[in-house]
Amino acid sequence: MTNSDRLSRLIPADVTTFRGPWWTAGVLAAVNAAGTARSLIHILAPDSGAQSIATMDTQVTGGGNIVALLAQWGGAQLLESGVIWVVLWRYRGLVPLMLGVVMAEQFLRVAIGKSKPLATDRTPPGALSRALLPAMAMTLAISLTERNDRRARPPRALPLRPGNRAQDCSPSHDHRGMLRPTGTSSALA
């Protein structure tokens, strides 16, 4: 597969048809369900999850700003989650693009976390980005491949041998293993 082919699968002309393996869309849905819950916690929890979940000390000077920033970040996360839900519901051809967005977010979280580490009592849930990043990269790469779906392949032709030629078949058989309703000709099938 060339880079041009990969790019055309990342941003396809037909955004309604996903050609990659279905399970990769399932991974995106699972990660997005967690992302939706995370964003709602940041928005709705009294401390935005800063102290109760991430164990950041919000009782310091400026602690209210930490809570406010996390709540605003939750709004951005909810917007991203909403777009991903729309893609999964209606524009499945963009699943690889959304996997790329989630992977890029995880990369940025890891990179920024190294340059600006958080001071917490225990490891916050966001630290899972270190494990999620390679998993999302692999899922993205696989989502850019063509789905191997046996049901999508055209039926194979039967070899000609006695017993499967047209003159040997019943009038209701159409030579593809399917029966025609009585009274229809083979030219219509």
N, C-alpha and C. Protein backbone atom coordinates (compact mmCIF):
# COMPACT_ATOMS: atom_id res chain seq x y z
N MET A 1 0.86 -1.17 0.00
CA MET A 1 0.00 0.00 0.00
C MET A 1 0.91 1.24 0.00
N THR A 2 0.66 2.16 -0.91
CA THR A 2 1.47 3.36 -1.01
C THR A 2 1.00 4.41 -0.01
N ASN A 3 1.82 5.43 0.18
CA ASN A 3 1.43 6.52 1.08
C ASN A 3 0.19 7.23 0.58
N SER A 4 0.03 7.33 -0.74
CA SER A 4 -1.17 7.94 -1.32
C SER A 4 -2.42 7.14 -0.98
N ASP A 5 -2.30 5.79 -1.03
CA ASP A 5 -3.43 4.92 -0.67
C ASP A 5 -3.80 5.11 0.80
N ARG A 6 -2.77 5.18 1.66
CA ARG A 6 -3.03 5.37 3.09
C ARG A 6 -3.72 6.70 3.34
N LEU A 7 -3.26 7.75 2.66
CA LEU A 7 -3.86 9.07 2.83
C LEU A 7 -5.31 9.07 2.35
N SER A 8 -5.57 8.37 1.25
CA SER A 8 -6.95 8.32 0.75
C SER A 8 -7.85 7.51 1.68
N ARG A 9 -7.29 6.63 2.49
CA ARG A 9 -8.10 5.91 3.49
C ARG A 9 -8.26 6.74 4.75
N LEU A 10 -7.28 7.62 5.03
CA LEU A 10 -7.35 8.50 6.19
C LEU A 10 -8.39 9.60 5.95
N ILE A 11 -8.41 10.13 4.73
CA ILE A 11 -9.38 11.16 4.35
C ILE A 11 -10.03 10.68 3.04
N PRO A 12 -11.02 9.78 3.13
CA PRO A 12 -11.59 9.17 1.93
C PRO A 12 -12.58 10.08 1.20
N ALA A 13 -12.77 9.81 -0.08
CA ALA A 13 -13.77 10.54 -0.86
C ALA A 13 -15.18 10.16 -0.38
N ASP A 14 -15.38 8.87 -0.07
CA ASP A 14 -16.67 8.40 0.44
C ASP A 14 -16.57 8.29 1.96
N VAL A 15 -17.08 9.29 2.65
CA VAL A 15 -16.96 9.32 4.11
C VAL A 15 -17.99 8.45 4.82
N THR A 16 -18.91 7.85 4.08
CA THR A 16 -19.94 7.03 4.71
C THR A 16 -19.55 5.55 4.78
N THR A 17 -18.50 5.15 4.07
CA THR A 17 -18.13 3.74 4.01
C THR A 17 -16.75 3.52 4.62
N PHE A 18 -16.69 2.68 5.65
CA PHE A 18 -15.44 2.33 6.30
C PHE A 18 -14.97 1.00 5.73
N ARG A 19 -13.78 0.97 5.16
CA ARG A 19 -13.26 -0.23 4.52
C ARG A 19 -12.30 -1.02 5.40
N GLY A 20 -11.96 -0.50 6.56
CA GLY A 20 -11.03 -1.18 7.46
C GLY A 20 -11.73 -2.23 8.30
N PRO A 21 -10.96 -2.97 9.09
CA PRO A 21 -11.55 -3.99 9.98
C PRO A 21 -12.52 -3.35 10.98
N TRP A 22 -13.68 -3.98 11.16
CA TRP A 22 -14.72 -3.41 12.03
C TRP A 22 -14.26 -3.24 13.47
N TRP A 23 -13.41 -4.14 13.95
CA TRP A 23 -13.01 -4.07 15.35
C TRP A 23 -12.26 -2.78 15.66
N THR A 24 -11.62 -2.17 14.64
CA THR A 24 -10.92 -0.91 14.90
C THR A 24 -11.90 0.21 15.22
N ALA A 25 -13.09 0.17 14.60
CA ALA A 25 -14.14 1.14 14.94
C ALA A 25 -14.64 0.86 16.35
N GLY A 26 -14.66 -0.41 16.76
CA GLY A 26 -15.05 -0.76 18.12
C GLY A 26 -14.06 -0.23 19.15
N VAL A 27 -12.77 -0.26 18.81
CA VAL A 27 -11.75 0.31 19.71
C VAL A 27 -12.00 1.81 19.85
N LEU A 28 -12.26 2.48 18.73
CA LEU A 28 -12.55 3.92 18.78
C LEU A 28 -13.77 4.19 19.65
N ALA A 29 -14.82 3.38 19.53
CA ALA A 29 -16.03 3.57 20.34
C ALA A 29 -15.72 3.37 21.83
N ALA A 30 -14.94 2.36 22.17
CA ALA A 30 -14.61 2.10 23.58
C ALA A 30 -13.78 3.24 24.16
N VAL A 31 -12.78 3.68 23.42
CA VAL A 31 -11.94 4.78 23.90
C VAL A 31 -12.77 6.06 24.01
N ASN A 32 -13.69 6.25 23.06
CA ASN A 32 -14.52 7.45 23.10
C ASN A 32 -15.54 7.41 24.23
N ALA A 33 -16.03 6.23 24.58
CA ALA A 33 -16.94 6.13 25.73
C ALA A 33 -16.21 6.59 27.00
N ALA A 34 -14.97 6.13 27.16
CA ALA A 34 -14.18 6.57 28.32
C ALA A 34 -13.90 8.07 28.23
N GLY A 35 -13.62 8.57 27.04
CA GLY A 35 -13.37 10.00 26.86
C GLY A 35 -14.59 10.85 27.16
N THR A 36 -15.77 10.35 26.78
CA THR A 36 -17.01 11.08 27.07
C THR A 36 -17.23 11.14 28.57
N ALA A 37 -17.05 10.01 29.25
CA ALA A 37 -17.21 9.98 30.71
C ALA A 37 -16.20 10.92 31.38
N ARG A 38 -14.95 10.88 30.92
CA ARG A 38 -13.91 11.74 31.48
C ARG A 38 -14.28 13.22 31.32
N SER A 39 -14.76 13.58 30.14
CA SER A 39 -15.11 14.99 29.91
C SER A 39 -16.27 15.42 30.79
N LEU A 40 -17.25 14.55 30.97
CA LEU A 40 -18.40 14.90 31.82
C LEU A 40 -17.97 15.04 33.28
N ILE A 41 -17.03 14.22 33.72
CA ILE A 41 -16.51 14.36 35.09
C ILE A 41 -15.82 15.71 35.24
N HIS A 42 -14.98 16.08 34.26
CA HIS A 42 -14.30 17.38 34.34
C HIS A 42 -15.29 18.53 34.39
N ILE A 43 -16.39 18.41 33.67
CA ILE A 43 -17.38 19.49 33.62
C ILE A 43 -18.27 19.50 34.85
N LEU A 44 -18.74 18.32 35.30
CA LEU A 44 -19.79 18.25 36.31
C LEU A 44 -19.30 18.06 37.75
N ALA A 45 -18.15 17.45 37.96
CA ALA A 45 -17.68 17.22 39.33
C ALA A 45 -17.33 18.57 39.98
N PRO A 46 -17.66 18.73 41.26
CA PRO A 46 -17.37 20.01 41.94
C PRO A 46 -15.90 20.42 41.86
N ASP A 47 -14.99 19.43 41.89
CA ASP A 47 -13.56 19.75 41.81
C ASP A 47 -12.99 19.39 40.44
N SER A 48 -13.87 19.14 39.47
CA SER A 48 -13.49 18.74 38.10
C SER A 48 -12.69 17.45 38.07
N GLY A 49 -12.69 16.71 39.17
CA GLY A 49 -11.92 15.48 39.26
C GLY A 49 -10.46 15.73 39.60
N ALA A 50 -10.08 16.98 39.79
CA ALA A 50 -8.67 17.31 40.04
C ALA A 50 -8.17 16.68 41.33
N GLN A 51 -8.88 16.89 42.44
CA GLN A 51 -8.43 16.33 43.72
C GLN A 51 -9.02 14.95 43.95
N SER A 52 -10.30 14.77 43.65
CA SER A 52 -10.96 13.49 43.96
C SER A 52 -10.46 12.33 43.11
N ILE A 53 -9.99 12.59 41.90
CA ILE A 53 -9.54 11.51 41.02
C ILE A 53 -8.04 11.61 40.74
N ALA A 54 -7.57 12.79 40.33
CA ALA A 54 -6.17 12.94 39.95
C ALA A 54 -5.26 13.24 41.14
N THR A 55 -5.82 13.44 42.31
CA THR A 55 -5.12 13.72 43.57
C THR A 55 -4.23 14.97 43.50
N MET A 56 -4.66 15.97 42.72
CA MET A 56 -3.96 17.25 42.72
C MET A 56 -4.48 18.07 43.88
N ASP A 57 -3.60 18.77 44.54
CA ASP A 57 -4.00 19.59 45.68
C ASP A 57 -4.65 20.87 45.16
N THR A 58 -5.96 20.96 45.35
CA THR A 58 -6.68 22.16 44.91
C THR A 58 -6.93 23.11 46.07
N GLN A 59 -6.41 22.80 47.26
CA GLN A 59 -6.59 23.66 48.43
C GLN A 59 -5.46 24.68 48.55
N VAL A 60 -4.72 24.88 47.48
CA VAL A 60 -3.62 25.84 47.47
C VAL A 60 -4.12 27.15 46.85
N THR A 61 -3.32 28.19 46.96
CA THR A 61 -3.65 29.45 46.30
C THR A 61 -3.74 29.19 44.79
N GLY A 62 -4.83 29.58 44.20
CA GLY A 62 -5.04 29.34 42.76
C GLY A 62 -5.67 27.98 42.49
N GLY A 63 -6.05 27.24 43.52
CA GLY A 63 -6.67 25.92 43.34
C GLY A 63 -7.97 26.00 42.56
N GLY A 64 -8.69 27.09 42.74
CA GLY A 64 -9.93 27.28 41.98
C GLY A 64 -9.66 27.39 40.49
N ASN A 65 -8.49 27.95 40.15
CA ASN A 65 -8.12 28.05 38.73
C ASN A 65 -7.85 26.68 38.13
N ILE A 66 -7.27 25.79 38.94
CA ILE A 66 -7.02 24.42 38.47
C ILE A 66 -8.36 23.75 38.13
N VAL A 67 -9.32 23.91 39.03
CA VAL A 67 -10.65 23.32 38.83
C VAL A 67 -11.30 23.92 37.59
N ALA A 68 -11.21 25.25 37.43
CA ALA A 68 -11.82 25.92 36.28
C ALA A 68 -11.16 25.48 34.97
N LEU A 69 -9.84 25.38 34.95
CA LEU A 69 -9.14 24.96 33.73
C LEU A 69 -9.51 23.53 33.34
N LEU A 70 -9.61 22.64 34.33
CA LEU A 70 -10.00 21.26 34.03
C LEU A 70 -11.43 21.20 33.50
N ALA A 71 -12.32 22.02 34.05
CA ALA A 71 -13.70 22.05 33.56
C ALA A 71 -13.74 22.54 32.11
N GLN A 72 -12.95 23.56 31.80
CA GLN A 72 -12.91 24.06 30.43
C GLN A 72 -12.30 23.03 29.49
N TRP A 73 -11.27 22.34 29.96
CA TRP A 73 -10.68 21.26 29.17
C TRP A 73 -11.72 20.17 28.93
N GLY A 74 -12.55 19.90 29.94
CA GLY A 74 -13.63 18.92 29.78
C GLY A 74 -14.58 19.32 28.67
N GLY A 75 -14.82 20.62 28.51
CA GLY A 75 -15.68 21.09 27.42
C GLY A 75 -15.06 20.77 26.06
N ALA A 76 -13.76 20.99 25.92
CA ALA A 76 -13.07 20.66 24.67
C ALA A 76 -13.10 19.15 24.42
N GLN A 77 -12.92 18.37 25.49
CA GLN A 77 -12.96 16.91 25.36
C GLN A 77 -14.35 16.44 24.95
N LEU A 78 -15.38 17.07 25.49
CA LEU A 78 -16.75 16.70 25.14
C LEU A 78 -17.04 17.02 23.68
N LEU A 79 -16.52 18.13 23.20
CA LEU A 79 -16.68 18.48 21.79
C LEU A 79 -16.02 17.43 20.90
N GLU A 80 -14.79 17.03 21.23
CA GLU A 80 -14.10 15.98 20.47
C GLU A 80 -14.89 14.67 20.51
N SER A 81 -15.38 14.30 21.69
CA SER A 81 -16.16 13.07 21.82
C SER A 81 -17.42 13.12 20.97
N GLY A 82 -18.07 14.26 20.96
CA GLY A 82 -19.29 14.42 20.16
C GLY A 82 -19.01 14.23 18.67
N VAL A 83 -17.91 14.79 18.18
CA VAL A 83 -17.55 14.62 16.78
C VAL A 83 -17.28 13.15 16.48
N ILE A 84 -16.59 12.47 17.39
CA ILE A 84 -16.30 11.05 17.18
C ILE A 84 -17.59 10.23 17.16
N TRP A 85 -18.55 10.54 18.04
CA TRP A 85 -19.83 9.81 18.02
C TRP A 85 -20.54 10.03 16.69
N VAL A 86 -20.51 11.24 16.15
CA VAL A 86 -21.14 11.51 14.84
C VAL A 86 -20.44 10.69 13.75
N VAL A 87 -19.12 10.62 13.80
CA VAL A 87 -18.38 9.82 12.82
C VAL A 87 -18.78 8.35 12.93
N LEU A 88 -18.84 7.82 14.14
CA LEU A 88 -19.21 6.41 14.32
C LEU A 88 -20.65 6.15 13.89
N TRP A 89 -21.49 7.12 14.03
CA TRP A 89 -22.91 6.95 13.69
C TRP A 89 -23.16 7.16 12.21
N ARG A 90 -22.56 8.18 11.60
CA ARG A 90 -22.95 8.56 10.25
C ARG A 90 -21.82 8.57 9.23
N TYR A 91 -20.62 8.94 9.62
CA TYR A 91 -19.52 9.13 8.67
C TYR A 91 -18.37 8.17 8.97
N ARG A 92 -18.68 6.87 8.89
CA ARG A 92 -17.72 5.83 9.31
C ARG A 92 -16.45 5.79 8.48
N GLY A 93 -16.48 6.36 7.30
CA GLY A 93 -15.26 6.41 6.49
C GLY A 93 -14.17 7.24 7.15
N LEU A 94 -14.55 8.08 8.11
CA LEU A 94 -13.59 8.92 8.82
C LEU A 94 -13.06 8.28 10.11
N VAL A 95 -13.38 7.02 10.35
CA VAL A 95 -12.88 6.33 11.55
C VAL A 95 -11.36 6.40 11.63
N PRO A 96 -10.61 6.12 10.54
CA PRO A 96 -9.14 6.23 10.66
C PRO A 96 -8.69 7.65 11.03
N LEU A 97 -9.32 8.66 10.49
CA LEU A 97 -8.96 10.04 10.83
C LEU A 97 -9.18 10.30 12.32
N MET A 98 -10.31 9.82 12.86
CA MET A 98 -10.58 10.03 14.29
C MET A 98 -9.62 9.22 15.16
N LEU A 99 -9.23 8.02 14.70
CA LEU A 99 -8.20 7.27 15.42
C LEU A 99 -6.89 8.05 15.43
N GLY A 100 -6.60 8.72 14.32
CA GLY A 100 -5.42 9.57 14.25
C GLY A 100 -5.49 10.74 15.21
N VAL A 101 -6.67 11.35 15.32
CA VAL A 101 -6.85 12.47 16.26
C VAL A 101 -6.65 11.99 17.69
N VAL A 102 -7.24 10.84 18.05
CA VAL A 102 -7.08 10.30 19.41
C VAL A 102 -5.61 9.95 19.66
N MET A 103 -4.95 9.37 18.66
CA MET A 103 -3.54 9.03 18.82
C MET A 103 -2.71 10.30 19.01
N ALA A 104 -2.98 11.34 18.23
CA ALA A 104 -2.25 12.60 18.35
C ALA A 104 -2.47 13.22 19.73
N GLU A 105 -3.72 13.12 20.24
CA GLU A 105 -4.00 13.65 21.57
C GLU A 105 -3.16 12.91 22.62
N GLN A 106 -3.08 11.58 22.50
CA GLN A 106 -2.30 10.80 23.46
C GLN A 106 -0.81 11.17 23.36
N PHE A 107 -0.32 11.35 22.13
CA PHE A 107 1.08 11.74 21.95
C PHE A 107 1.35 13.08 22.63
N LEU A 108 0.46 14.06 22.41
CA LEU A 108 0.65 15.37 23.02
C LEU A 108 0.59 15.30 24.54
N ARG A 109 -0.32 14.49 25.06
CA ARG A 109 -0.42 14.35 26.52
C ARG A 109 0.86 13.78 27.10
N VAL A 110 1.43 12.78 26.43
CA VAL A 110 2.68 12.18 26.91
C VAL A 110 3.82 13.20 26.81
N ALA A 111 3.94 13.86 25.67
CA ALA A 111 5.04 14.82 25.46
C ALA A 111 4.94 16.00 26.43
N ILE A 112 3.75 16.57 26.56
CA ILE A 112 3.57 17.71 27.46
C ILE A 112 3.74 17.26 28.91
N GLY A 113 3.26 16.06 29.23
CA GLY A 113 3.41 15.53 30.58
C GLY A 113 4.87 15.35 30.98
N LYS A 114 5.73 15.04 30.02
CA LYS A 114 7.16 14.91 30.32
C LYS A 114 7.80 16.28 30.54
N SER A 115 7.38 17.26 29.75
CA SER A 115 8.00 18.58 29.89
C SER A 115 7.39 19.40 31.03
N LYS A 116 6.14 19.11 31.37
CA LYS A 116 5.46 19.81 32.46
C LYS A 116 4.72 18.79 33.32
N PRO A 117 5.45 18.05 34.13
CA PRO A 117 4.81 16.99 34.93
C PRO A 117 3.90 17.55 36.02
N LEU A 118 2.85 16.77 36.33
CA LEU A 118 1.92 17.13 37.40
C LEU A 118 2.47 16.65 38.74
N ALA A 119 2.19 17.42 39.77
CA ALA A 119 2.53 17.00 41.14
C ALA A 119 1.26 16.43 41.76
N THR A 120 1.22 15.10 41.92
CA THR A 120 0.05 14.43 42.48
C THR A 120 0.48 13.43 43.53
N ASP A 121 -0.47 13.02 44.39
CA ASP A 121 -0.17 12.03 45.42
C ASP A 121 -0.01 10.63 44.84
N ARG A 122 -0.77 10.34 43.80
CA ARG A 122 -0.65 9.04 43.12
C ARG A 122 -0.80 9.27 41.63
N THR A 123 -0.54 8.26 40.84
CA THR A 123 -0.58 8.39 39.39
C THR A 123 -2.02 8.67 38.95
N PRO A 124 -2.23 9.79 38.23
CA PRO A 124 -3.59 10.10 37.76
C PRO A 124 -3.98 9.22 36.58
N PRO A 125 -5.29 9.07 36.32
CA PRO A 125 -5.75 8.23 35.20
C PRO A 125 -5.19 8.65 33.85
N GLY A 126 -4.91 9.94 33.68
CA GLY A 126 -4.36 10.42 32.41
C GLY A 126 -3.02 9.81 32.06
N ALA A 127 -2.34 9.22 33.05
CA ALA A 127 -1.06 8.57 32.79
C ALA A 127 -1.22 7.34 31.91
N LEU A 128 -2.45 6.86 31.74
CA LEU A 128 -2.70 5.72 30.85
C LEU A 128 -2.35 6.06 29.41
N SER A 129 -2.17 7.34 29.10
CA SER A 129 -1.82 7.74 27.74
C SER A 129 -0.55 7.06 27.26
N ARG A 130 0.38 6.78 28.19
CA ARG A 130 1.63 6.11 27.80
C ARG A 130 1.35 4.72 27.24
N ALA A 131 0.35 4.04 27.76
CA ALA A 131 -0.01 2.71 27.24
C ALA A 131 -0.97 2.82 26.06
N LEU A 132 -1.82 3.83 26.09
CA LEU A 132 -2.82 3.99 25.03
C LEU A 132 -2.19 4.45 23.72
N LEU A 133 -1.11 5.21 23.79
CA LEU A 133 -0.48 5.73 22.57
C LEU A 133 -0.06 4.63 21.61
N PRO A 134 0.73 3.62 22.02
CA PRO A 134 1.09 2.58 21.05
C PRO A 134 -0.11 1.75 20.60
N ALA A 135 -1.08 1.55 21.48
CA ALA A 135 -2.28 0.79 21.11
C ALA A 135 -3.07 1.55 20.04
N MET A 136 -3.18 2.86 20.19
CA MET A 136 -3.91 3.66 19.20
C MET A 136 -3.13 3.73 17.88
N ALA A 137 -1.80 3.80 17.96
CA ALA A 137 -0.99 3.83 16.74
C ALA A 137 -1.17 2.53 15.95
N MET A 138 -1.18 1.39 16.66
CA MET A 138 -1.37 0.11 16.00
C MET A 138 -2.78 0.00 15.42
N THR A 139 -3.78 0.45 16.18
CA THR A 139 -5.17 0.40 15.71
C THR A 139 -5.34 1.28 14.48
N LEU A 140 -4.73 2.47 14.50
CA LEU A 140 -4.80 3.35 13.34
C LEU A 140 -4.18 2.68 12.12
N ALA A 141 -2.99 2.11 12.26
CA ALA A 141 -2.32 1.46 11.13
C ALA A 141 -3.19 0.33 10.57
N ILE A 142 -3.79 -0.46 11.43
CA ILE A 142 -4.63 -1.57 10.97
C ILE A 142 -5.92 -1.06 10.34
N SER A 143 -6.45 0.06 10.84
CA SER A 143 -7.69 0.60 10.27
C SER A 143 -7.49 1.08 8.84
N LEU A 144 -6.26 1.33 8.44
CA LEU A 144 -5.97 1.79 7.08
C LEU A 144 -5.85 0.64 6.10
N THR A 145 -5.96 -0.60 6.59
CA THR A 145 -5.91 -1.77 5.71
C THR A 145 -7.31 -2.13 5.25
N GLU A 146 -7.38 -2.89 4.19
CA GLU A 146 -8.66 -3.33 3.63
C GLU A 146 -9.24 -4.44 4.49
N ARG A 147 -10.54 -4.37 4.78
CA ARG A 147 -11.20 -5.41 5.56
C ARG A 147 -11.22 -6.71 4.77
N ASN A 148 -10.93 -7.81 5.44
CA ASN A 148 -10.99 -9.14 4.83
C ASN A 148 -12.34 -9.74 5.21
N ASP A 149 -13.34 -9.49 4.40
CA ASP A 149 -14.71 -9.92 4.69
C ASP A 149 -15.16 -10.92 3.64
N ARG A 150 -15.23 -12.19 4.04
CA ARG A 150 -15.59 -13.24 3.09
C ARG A 150 -16.98 -13.01 2.50
N ARG A 151 -17.88 -12.43 3.25
CA ARG A 151 -19.24 -12.22 2.75
C ARG A 151 -19.28 -11.18 1.64
N ALA A 152 -18.29 -10.31 1.57
CA ALA A 152 -18.28 -9.26 0.56
C ALA A 152 -17.74 -9.75 -0.78
N ARG A 153 -17.15 -10.92 -0.81
CA ARG A 153 -16.59 -11.44 -2.05
C ARG A 153 -17.70 -12.00 -2.93
N PRO A 154 -17.55 -11.85 -4.26
CA PRO A 154 -18.56 -12.43 -5.16
C PRO A 154 -18.49 -13.95 -5.10
N PRO A 155 -19.63 -14.62 -5.32
CA PRO A 155 -19.61 -16.08 -5.28
C PRO A 155 -18.73 -16.63 -6.40
N ARG A 156 -18.07 -17.75 -6.13
CA ARG A 156 -17.23 -18.38 -7.14
C ARG A 156 -18.12 -19.13 -8.12
N ALA A 157 -17.68 -19.16 -9.37
CA ALA A 157 -18.41 -19.90 -10.40
C ALA A 157 -18.21 -21.40 -10.17
N LEU A 158 -19.24 -22.17 -10.47
CA LEU A 158 -19.14 -23.62 -10.36
C LEU A 158 -18.43 -24.18 -11.58
N PRO A 159 -17.56 -25.17 -11.40
CA PRO A 159 -16.92 -25.79 -12.57
C PRO A 159 -17.96 -26.56 -13.37
N LEU A 160 -17.80 -26.60 -14.69
CA LEU A 160 -18.74 -27.34 -15.53
C LEU A 160 -18.41 -28.83 -15.44
N ARG A 161 -19.35 -29.58 -14.99
CA ARG A 161 -19.25 -31.03 -14.93
C ARG A 161 -20.67 -31.57 -14.92
N PRO A 162 -20.85 -32.82 -15.21
CA PRO A 162 -22.21 -33.36 -15.23
C PRO A 162 -22.91 -33.09 -13.89
N GLY A 163 -24.12 -32.65 -13.97
CA GLY A 163 -24.90 -32.41 -12.77
C GLY A 163 -25.02 -30.93 -12.43
N ASN A 164 -24.17 -30.07 -13.02
CA ASN A 164 -24.34 -28.65 -12.74
C ASN A 164 -24.40 -27.81 -14.01
N ARG A 165 -24.66 -28.44 -15.14
CA ARG A 165 -24.89 -27.70 -16.38
C ARG A 165 -26.34 -27.27 -16.42
N ALA A 166 -26.64 -26.28 -17.23
CA ALA A 166 -27.99 -25.71 -17.29
C ALA A 166 -29.02 -26.76 -17.65
N GLN A 167 -28.72 -27.64 -18.61
CA GLN A 167 -29.73 -28.62 -19.01
C GLN A 167 -29.96 -29.68 -17.94
N ASP A 168 -29.01 -29.83 -16.96
CA ASP A 168 -29.16 -30.82 -15.91
C ASP A 168 -29.87 -30.27 -14.67
N CYS A 169 -30.14 -28.98 -14.64
CA CYS A 169 -30.72 -28.35 -13.46
C CYS A 169 -32.22 -28.25 -13.57
N SER A 170 -32.83 -28.07 -12.42
CA SER A 170 -34.27 -27.84 -12.41
C SER A 170 -34.54 -26.40 -12.87
N PRO A 171 -35.73 -26.09 -13.38
CA PRO A 171 -36.02 -24.75 -13.88
C PRO A 171 -36.00 -23.68 -12.77
N SER A 172 -36.09 -24.10 -11.51
CA SER A 172 -36.10 -23.11 -10.43
C SER A 172 -34.71 -22.82 -9.88
N HIS A 173 -33.67 -23.38 -10.49
CA HIS A 173 -32.29 -23.18 -10.01
C HIS A 173 -31.59 -22.16 -10.91
N ASP A 174 -30.87 -21.21 -10.32
CA ASP A 174 -30.28 -20.15 -11.13
C ASP A 174 -28.76 -20.26 -11.27
N HIS A 175 -28.15 -21.36 -10.97
CA HIS A 175 -26.73 -21.65 -11.13
C HIS A 175 -25.83 -20.87 -10.17
N ARG A 176 -26.37 -20.17 -9.21
CA ARG A 176 -25.57 -19.49 -8.20
C ARG A 176 -25.89 -20.05 -6.82
N GLY A 177 -26.59 -21.16 -6.78
CA GLY A 177 -26.93 -21.77 -5.51
C GLY A 177 -28.19 -21.18 -4.90
N MET A 178 -28.93 -20.38 -5.67
CA MET A 178 -30.14 -19.76 -5.14
C MET A 178 -31.33 -20.22 -5.97
N LEU A 179 -32.47 -20.28 -5.35
CA LEU A 179 -33.67 -20.68 -6.06
C LEU A 179 -34.42 -19.44 -6.53
N ARG A 180 -34.96 -19.51 -7.74
CA ARG A 180 -35.80 -18.44 -8.28
C ARG A 180 -37.24 -18.75 -7.95
N PRO A 181 -38.05 -17.72 -7.77
CA PRO A 181 -39.46 -17.98 -7.59
C PRO A 181 -40.01 -18.66 -8.85
N THR A 182 -40.94 -19.57 -8.67
CA THR A 182 -41.53 -20.29 -9.81
C THR A 182 -42.16 -19.29 -10.76
N GLY A 183 -41.95 -19.54 -12.05
CA GLY A 183 -42.56 -18.70 -13.07
C GLY A 183 -41.63 -17.61 -13.58
N THR A 184 -40.37 -17.53 -13.10
CA THR A 184 -39.44 -16.53 -13.62
C THR A 184 -38.41 -17.22 -14.50
N SER A 185 -37.94 -16.52 -15.47
CA SER A 185 -36.95 -17.13 -16.37
C SER A 185 -35.55 -16.89 -15.85
N SER A 186 -34.59 -17.69 -16.33
CA SER A 186 -33.22 -17.52 -15.88
C SER A 186 -32.61 -16.23 -16.41
N ALA A 187 -33.17 -15.65 -17.46
CA ALA A 187 -32.65 -14.39 -17.99
C ALA A 187 -32.91 -13.23 -17.03
N LEU A 188 -33.94 -13.35 -16.19
CA LEU A 188 -34.25 -12.29 -15.24
C LEU A 188 -33.45 -12.41 -13.96
N ALA A 189 -32.91 -13.56 -13.69
CA ALA A 189 -32.22 -13.79 -12.42
C ALA A 189 -30.82 -13.27 -12.39
